[in-house]
Protein backbone atom coordinates (compact mmCIF):
# COMPACT_ATOMS: atom_id res chain seq x y z
CA MET A 1 70.51 88.02 80.67
CA ASN A 2 72.20 91.34 79.83
CA ALA A 3 72.90 90.18 76.27
CA ILE A 4 69.22 89.19 75.81
CA ARG A 5 68.10 92.55 77.20
CA ILE A 6 70.35 94.51 74.85
CA SER A 7 69.23 92.34 71.91
CA LEU A 8 65.56 93.06 72.68
CA ILE A 9 66.28 96.80 72.81
CA TRP A 10 68.11 96.58 69.50
CA VAL A 11 65.18 94.70 67.87
CA ALA A 12 62.65 97.16 69.27
CA LEU A 13 64.52 100.08 67.77
CA SER A 14 65.65 98.54 64.50
CA GLY A 15 62.39 99.09 62.68
CA SER A 16 62.17 102.84 63.24
CA ALA A 17 65.77 103.87 63.67
CA ALA A 18 67.82 101.47 61.59
CA ALA A 19 70.04 104.29 60.38
CA GLU A 20 70.88 105.48 63.89
CA PRO A 21 73.91 103.97 65.68
CA LEU A 22 73.53 102.01 68.90
CA ILE A 23 76.78 102.27 70.78
CA THR A 24 78.07 100.43 73.82
CA GLY A 25 79.86 102.11 76.66
CA ILE A 26 80.80 102.05 80.31
CA ILE A 27 80.17 104.32 83.30
CA GLU A 28 83.33 106.05 84.51
CA ASP A 29 84.28 108.41 87.33
CA VAL A 30 86.29 111.38 86.03
CA GLU A 31 88.10 111.65 89.38
CA ALA A 32 88.75 107.93 89.70
CA GLN A 33 92.07 106.66 91.01
CA THR A 34 93.80 105.11 88.01
CA ILE A 35 96.35 102.41 88.71
CA GLU A 36 99.06 101.73 86.15
CA MET A 37 101.69 99.04 86.15
CA PRO A 38 104.56 100.67 88.06
CA SER A 39 108.11 100.79 86.75
CA LEU A 40 110.02 98.66 89.24
CA PRO A 41 113.69 97.61 89.20
CA GLY A 42 114.62 94.29 87.69
CA ALA A 43 111.90 93.91 85.04
CA TRP A 44 110.24 95.98 82.31
CA GLN A 45 107.02 94.00 82.72
CA ARG A 46 105.42 92.29 85.68
CA ARG A 47 102.73 89.70 86.36
CA ILE A 48 99.60 90.44 88.38
CA GLU A 49 99.26 87.90 91.21
CA TRP A 50 95.94 89.06 92.67
CA MET A 51 93.28 91.74 92.23
CA ALA A 52 90.20 92.68 94.21
CA PRO A 53 87.12 91.35 92.40
CA GLU A 54 85.87 93.69 89.71
CA GLY A 55 82.92 95.76 90.87
CA SER A 56 83.66 95.17 94.55
CA GLN A 57 83.45 98.11 96.94
CA VAL A 58 86.79 99.03 98.52
CA ASN A 59 87.80 101.49 101.19
CA ALA A 60 90.77 103.84 101.34
CA GLY A 61 93.84 101.86 102.37
CA ASP A 62 92.51 98.49 101.23
CA LEU A 63 94.88 96.23 99.32
CA ILE A 64 93.45 95.95 95.81
CA ILE A 65 96.33 94.65 93.65
CA ARG A 66 99.33 92.43 94.39
CA LEU A 67 102.11 92.06 91.81
CA ASP A 68 104.64 89.26 91.49
CA PRO A 69 107.72 90.61 93.30
CA GLY A 70 110.09 88.47 91.22
CA SER A 71 113.67 89.10 92.32
CA LEU A 72 112.78 92.17 94.40
CA ILE A 73 112.69 90.19 97.66
CA SER A 74 116.26 88.95 97.28
CA GLU A 75 117.44 92.33 95.95
CA GLU A 76 115.91 94.15 98.92
CA GLU A 77 117.60 91.69 101.31
CA LYS A 78 120.94 92.14 99.53
CA ALA A 79 120.62 95.94 99.73
CA ARG A 80 119.90 95.67 103.47
CA VAL A 81 122.94 93.42 104.05
CA ASP A 82 125.13 95.72 101.95
CA LEU A 83 124.00 98.69 104.04
CA GLU A 84 124.79 96.85 107.28
CA LYS A 85 128.23 95.85 106.00
CA MET A 86 128.89 99.38 104.83
CA GLN A 87 127.92 100.77 108.25
CA PHE A 88 130.21 98.26 110.01
CA ASN A 89 133.17 99.02 107.73
CA VAL A 90 132.66 102.76 108.01
CA ASP A 91 132.47 102.62 111.80
CA LYS A 92 135.59 100.47 111.92
CA ARG A 93 137.54 102.79 109.60
CA ILE A 94 136.46 105.93 111.45
CA ASN A 95 137.24 104.41 114.85
CA GLU A 96 140.73 103.41 113.70
CA LEU A 97 141.40 106.93 112.43
CA GLN A 98 140.07 108.43 115.65
CA LEU A 99 142.56 106.29 117.58
CA GLU A 100 145.35 107.49 115.28
CA VAL A 101 144.32 111.11 115.86
CA LEU A 102 144.27 110.50 119.61
CA GLN A 103 147.74 108.97 119.40
CA ALA A 104 148.97 111.93 117.36
CA GLU A 105 147.53 114.32 119.95
CA GLN A 106 149.40 112.48 122.67
CA ASP A 107 152.59 112.64 120.61
CA VAL A 108 152.18 116.42 120.35
CA LEU A 109 151.68 116.72 124.11
CA ARG A 110 154.82 114.69 124.78
CA ALA A 111 156.76 116.72 122.23
CA GLU A 112 155.59 119.99 123.81
CA SER A 113 156.65 118.73 127.23
CA ALA A 114 160.07 117.73 125.85
CA VAL A 115 160.52 121.20 124.33
CA ARG A 116 159.66 122.90 127.64
CA LEU A 117 162.17 120.72 129.51
CA ALA A 118 164.85 121.32 126.86
CA GLU A 119 164.23 125.06 127.03
CA LEU A 120 164.98 125.03 130.78
CA ASP A 121 168.45 123.61 130.12
CA ALA A 122 169.06 125.64 126.97
CA VAL A 123 168.66 129.01 128.76
CA ILE A 124 171.55 128.34 131.13
CA PRO A 125 174.30 130.84 130.24
CA VAL A 126 177.30 129.34 128.52
CA GLU A 127 179.57 131.05 131.04
CA THR A 128 178.13 129.04 133.94
CA ILE A 129 178.49 125.52 132.54
CA PRO A 130 180.99 123.60 130.49
CA ARG A 131 180.68 124.48 126.80
CA LEU A 132 180.17 120.85 125.89
CA ASP A 133 177.09 120.73 128.13
CA PHE A 134 175.82 124.02 126.69
CA GLU A 135 176.05 122.70 123.12
CA ARG A 136 174.39 119.45 124.14
CA TYR A 137 171.50 121.39 125.69
CA GLN A 138 171.11 123.47 122.53
CA LEU A 139 171.10 120.34 120.35
CA THR A 140 168.52 118.70 122.60
CA LEU A 141 166.27 121.75 122.30
CA ALA A 142 166.60 121.86 118.51
CA THR A 143 165.83 118.15 118.29
CA ALA A 144 162.78 118.54 120.58
CA GLN A 145 161.49 121.45 118.50
CA GLN A 146 161.87 119.43 115.29
CA THR A 147 160.04 116.50 116.89
CA LEU A 148 157.24 118.85 117.98
CA ALA A 149 156.94 120.28 114.47
CA ARG A 150 156.72 116.79 112.98
CA SER A 151 154.16 115.75 115.60
CA GLN A 152 152.03 118.82 114.91
CA THR A 153 152.19 118.19 111.16
CA ASP A 154 151.28 114.52 111.67
CA LEU A 155 148.33 115.54 113.89
CA LYS A 156 147.13 118.01 111.28
CA ASN A 157 147.33 115.34 108.56
CA LYS A 158 145.53 112.78 110.71
CA ARG A 159 142.73 115.20 111.48
CA ALA A 160 142.41 116.08 107.78
CA GLU A 161 142.36 112.38 106.89
CA LEU A 162 139.66 111.76 109.50
CA ALA A 163 137.56 114.62 108.14
CA ASP A 164 137.97 113.33 104.57
CA GLN A 165 137.06 109.79 105.61
CA ARG A 166 134.00 111.00 107.46
CA GLN A 167 132.86 112.91 104.37
CA GLN A 168 133.58 109.94 102.11
CA ALA A 169 131.88 107.56 104.53
CA ALA A 170 128.81 109.78 104.67
CA LEU A 171 128.54 109.69 100.87
CA GLU A 172 128.99 105.92 100.74
CA LEU A 173 126.44 105.37 103.50
CA ARG A 174 123.99 107.74 101.85
CA GLN A 175 124.29 105.83 98.58
CA ALA A 176 123.78 102.49 100.34
CA GLU A 177 120.81 103.90 102.28
CA LEU A 178 119.23 105.26 99.10
CA ASN A 179 119.71 101.94 97.35
CA PHE A 180 118.12 100.08 100.25
CA ALA A 181 115.26 102.60 100.40
CA ARG A 182 114.75 102.27 96.64
CA MET A 183 114.57 98.48 96.84
CA ARG A 184 112.31 98.59 99.89
CA GLU A 185 110.01 101.07 98.15
CA ALA A 186 110.04 98.91 95.01
CA LEU A 187 109.08 95.85 97.03
CA GLY A 188 106.35 97.84 98.75
CA GLY A 189 105.18 98.95 95.29
CA THR A 190 104.13 95.39 94.48
CA GLU A 191 101.20 95.87 96.87
CA ILE A 192 98.88 98.61 95.64
CA ARG A 193 96.19 100.09 97.87
CA ALA A 194 93.15 102.26 97.27
CA ASN A 195 93.60 105.98 97.85
CA ASN A 196 89.90 106.51 98.41
CA SER A 197 86.69 104.57 98.78
CA GLY A 198 84.88 103.44 95.65
CA TYR A 199 84.37 100.55 93.29
CA GLN A 200 87.13 98.44 91.79
CA ASN A 201 87.10 98.34 87.98
CA ASN A 202 89.58 96.32 85.95
CA GLY A 203 91.41 98.10 83.16
CA GLU A 204 91.63 97.12 79.51
CA ILE A 205 94.61 96.15 77.40
CA PHE A 206 94.30 98.95 74.89
CA PHE A 207 95.59 97.06 71.83
CA THR A 208 93.22 94.11 72.37
CA GLY A 209 90.33 95.67 74.29
CA LYS A 210 90.38 92.71 76.70
CA LYS A 211 89.91 93.17 80.43
CA VAL A 212 92.89 92.86 82.77
CA PHE A 213 92.76 89.92 85.18
CA PRO A 214 95.12 88.21 87.66
CA GLY A 215 97.77 86.23 85.81
CA ASP A 216 98.19 88.87 83.10
CA THR A 217 101.68 90.24 82.51
CA LEU A 218 101.74 93.93 81.58
CA TYR A 219 104.37 96.46 80.61
CA SER A 220 105.11 99.45 82.84
CA GLY A 221 102.55 102.21 82.34
CA PHE A 222 99.68 99.92 81.29
CA LEU A 223 96.37 100.58 83.06
CA ILE A 224 95.63 97.80 85.57
CA ALA A 225 92.49 99.07 87.28
CA SER A 226 90.71 102.07 88.70
CA VAL A 227 88.84 102.90 91.89
CA ALA A 228 85.82 105.03 91.11
CA GLY A 229 83.13 106.77 93.11
CA ARG A 230 79.91 108.50 92.02
CA GLU A 231 80.98 112.11 92.51
CA ASP A 232 81.65 112.95 88.86
CA LEU A 233 80.36 110.24 86.54
CA ARG A 234 80.73 110.24 82.77
CA VAL A 235 79.94 107.68 80.07
CA LYS A 236 82.69 106.42 77.79
CA PHE A 237 81.28 105.00 74.57
CA TRP A 238 83.10 102.89 72.00
CA LEU A 239 81.96 104.01 68.58
CA HIS A 240 82.31 101.61 65.65
CA GLU A 241 84.27 103.14 62.77
CA ALA A 242 81.23 102.83 60.53
CA ASP A 243 79.25 105.09 62.89
CA PHE A 244 81.98 107.66 63.49
CA LEU A 245 80.30 110.40 61.43
CA LYS A 246 76.90 109.73 63.01
CA VAL A 247 77.95 110.84 66.49
CA HIS A 248 79.20 114.35 67.19
CA ALA A 249 79.93 116.72 70.07
CA GLY A 250 76.73 118.19 71.54
CA GLN A 251 74.59 115.23 70.43
CA ARG A 252 72.19 113.85 73.04
CA LEU A 253 71.82 110.15 73.70
CA THR A 254 69.60 108.10 75.95
CA VAL A 255 71.55 105.61 78.00
CA ILE A 256 70.29 102.24 79.17
CA ALA A 257 72.40 100.26 81.65
CA ASP A 258 72.82 96.52 81.36
CA ALA A 259 71.93 96.03 85.01
CA GLU A 260 68.32 95.08 85.67
CA GLY A 261 66.12 97.65 87.37
CA THR A 262 68.10 100.72 86.38
CA GLU A 263 66.49 103.81 84.90
CA ALA A 264 67.36 105.24 81.50
CA PHE A 265 69.00 108.66 81.52
CA ASP A 266 70.19 111.21 78.99
CA VAL A 267 73.72 112.33 78.23
CA GLU A 268 75.42 114.75 75.87
CA ILE A 269 78.54 113.95 73.85
CA GLU A 270 81.45 116.14 75.00
CA ARG A 271 84.18 114.92 72.66
CA ARG A 272 85.31 112.10 70.39
CA SER A 273 88.74 110.63 69.89
CA THR A 274 90.40 111.09 66.51
CA GLN A 275 92.16 107.73 66.36
CA ALA A 276 90.56 104.31 66.38
CA ILE A 277 91.87 101.41 68.44
CA ASP A 278 91.42 97.68 67.99
CA LYS A 279 89.25 95.52 70.20
CA GLU A 280 90.11 91.97 69.23
CA ASP A 281 87.41 90.37 71.36
CA TRP A 282 84.71 92.49 69.66
CA SER A 283 85.55 92.49 65.95
CA ASP A 284 88.28 93.23 63.45
CA SER A 285 87.05 96.83 63.09
CA GLY A 286 88.38 99.95 64.76
CA TYR A 287 86.57 101.78 67.55
CA PHE A 288 86.62 105.44 68.52
CA GLU A 289 86.18 106.71 72.06
CA ALA A 290 83.38 109.19 72.83
CA ILE A 291 82.93 110.83 76.23
CA ALA A 292 79.47 112.00 77.34
CA LYS A 293 78.30 113.92 80.41
CA PRO A 294 74.93 113.31 82.07
CA ILE A 295 72.09 115.77 81.57
CA GLY A 296 70.51 116.27 84.94
CA THR A 297 70.93 113.88 87.84
CA MET A 298 72.40 110.43 87.32
CA PRO A 299 70.05 107.68 88.61
CA ALA A 300 71.09 106.41 92.05
CA ALA A 301 71.45 102.82 90.83
CA ILE A 302 74.07 103.74 88.21
CA MET A 303 77.53 102.75 89.38
CA PRO A 304 81.03 103.05 87.90
CA GLY A 305 81.96 100.08 85.74
CA MET A 306 78.42 99.36 84.53
CA SER A 307 78.06 98.53 80.84
CA VAL A 308 75.55 100.68 78.99
CA LEU A 309 73.94 101.12 75.59
CA GLY A 310 73.68 104.60 74.08
CA ILE A 311 70.78 105.46 71.77
CA PRO A 312 70.42 108.82 69.98
CA ALA A 313 67.59 110.67 71.70
CA ASP A 314 65.66 111.24 68.48
CA ALA A 315 65.78 107.52 67.71
CA ARG A 316 64.49 106.77 71.19
CA GLU A 317 61.58 109.16 70.70
CA ALA A 318 60.80 107.74 67.27
CA SER A 319 60.60 104.23 68.66
């Protein structure tokens, strides 16, 4: 029906405005949420499993696109298990070192007690006891002091080792946590939701001009879809290379939507692209992009994603 309607318009205008271009376009929201294929670990391209139907109204938070997770499910599970193992090993290593520190502290306490006891004997004057006993007491004190010094050094080393291990463990855990968070976020990134309410519009594969649909496999960065409202509508026209010089910035066009029952409205060309792209499902020619803003109020029935036909205003008047 839309094709017949456009054909009738073309025929009606061909007699009086054959030299004027008739260009096709689409209604777009300037502030629309654009959704590109995300860059996720494990693959440089990804397949679209499901999309909300094109033209359907969606609300903020609604699931609108689901991507094939591929190996992300198993990778996220592995990252979770690795984190749990890391936490267990870290706790075990820290607990063992804490026990060693506690043992070293007890060794120091025993050594301090031995020194105090040895000091009691060592202060007895040599004149009051046999010399052999005096020398034995002095040797016992020296030995106790050496043992205390070694115990204190060992405690200091154990505490330093515990501090180092805690710092190292914190770094290892942080890395494992970040890896798990990255994989969990990547897996969550396979389900894309609407940021705001609007209408779902499928994107186009720019080098073919074909619409994106479930089952397509796209590279990272390719436009999948958009969610558009009516707050700031523009018209994007595709201008055949043969008509490039016939359309210029500031030119006014009358726009007719494909949808039945919609009113015609006027727009003004804001800018044109300077490089043509191919649209394989249209023709072998190149097409330039032209963006136009509405003059006055956009008719209420005009919605984002609608296909339209642009006619130079003077050609419309001549017809």
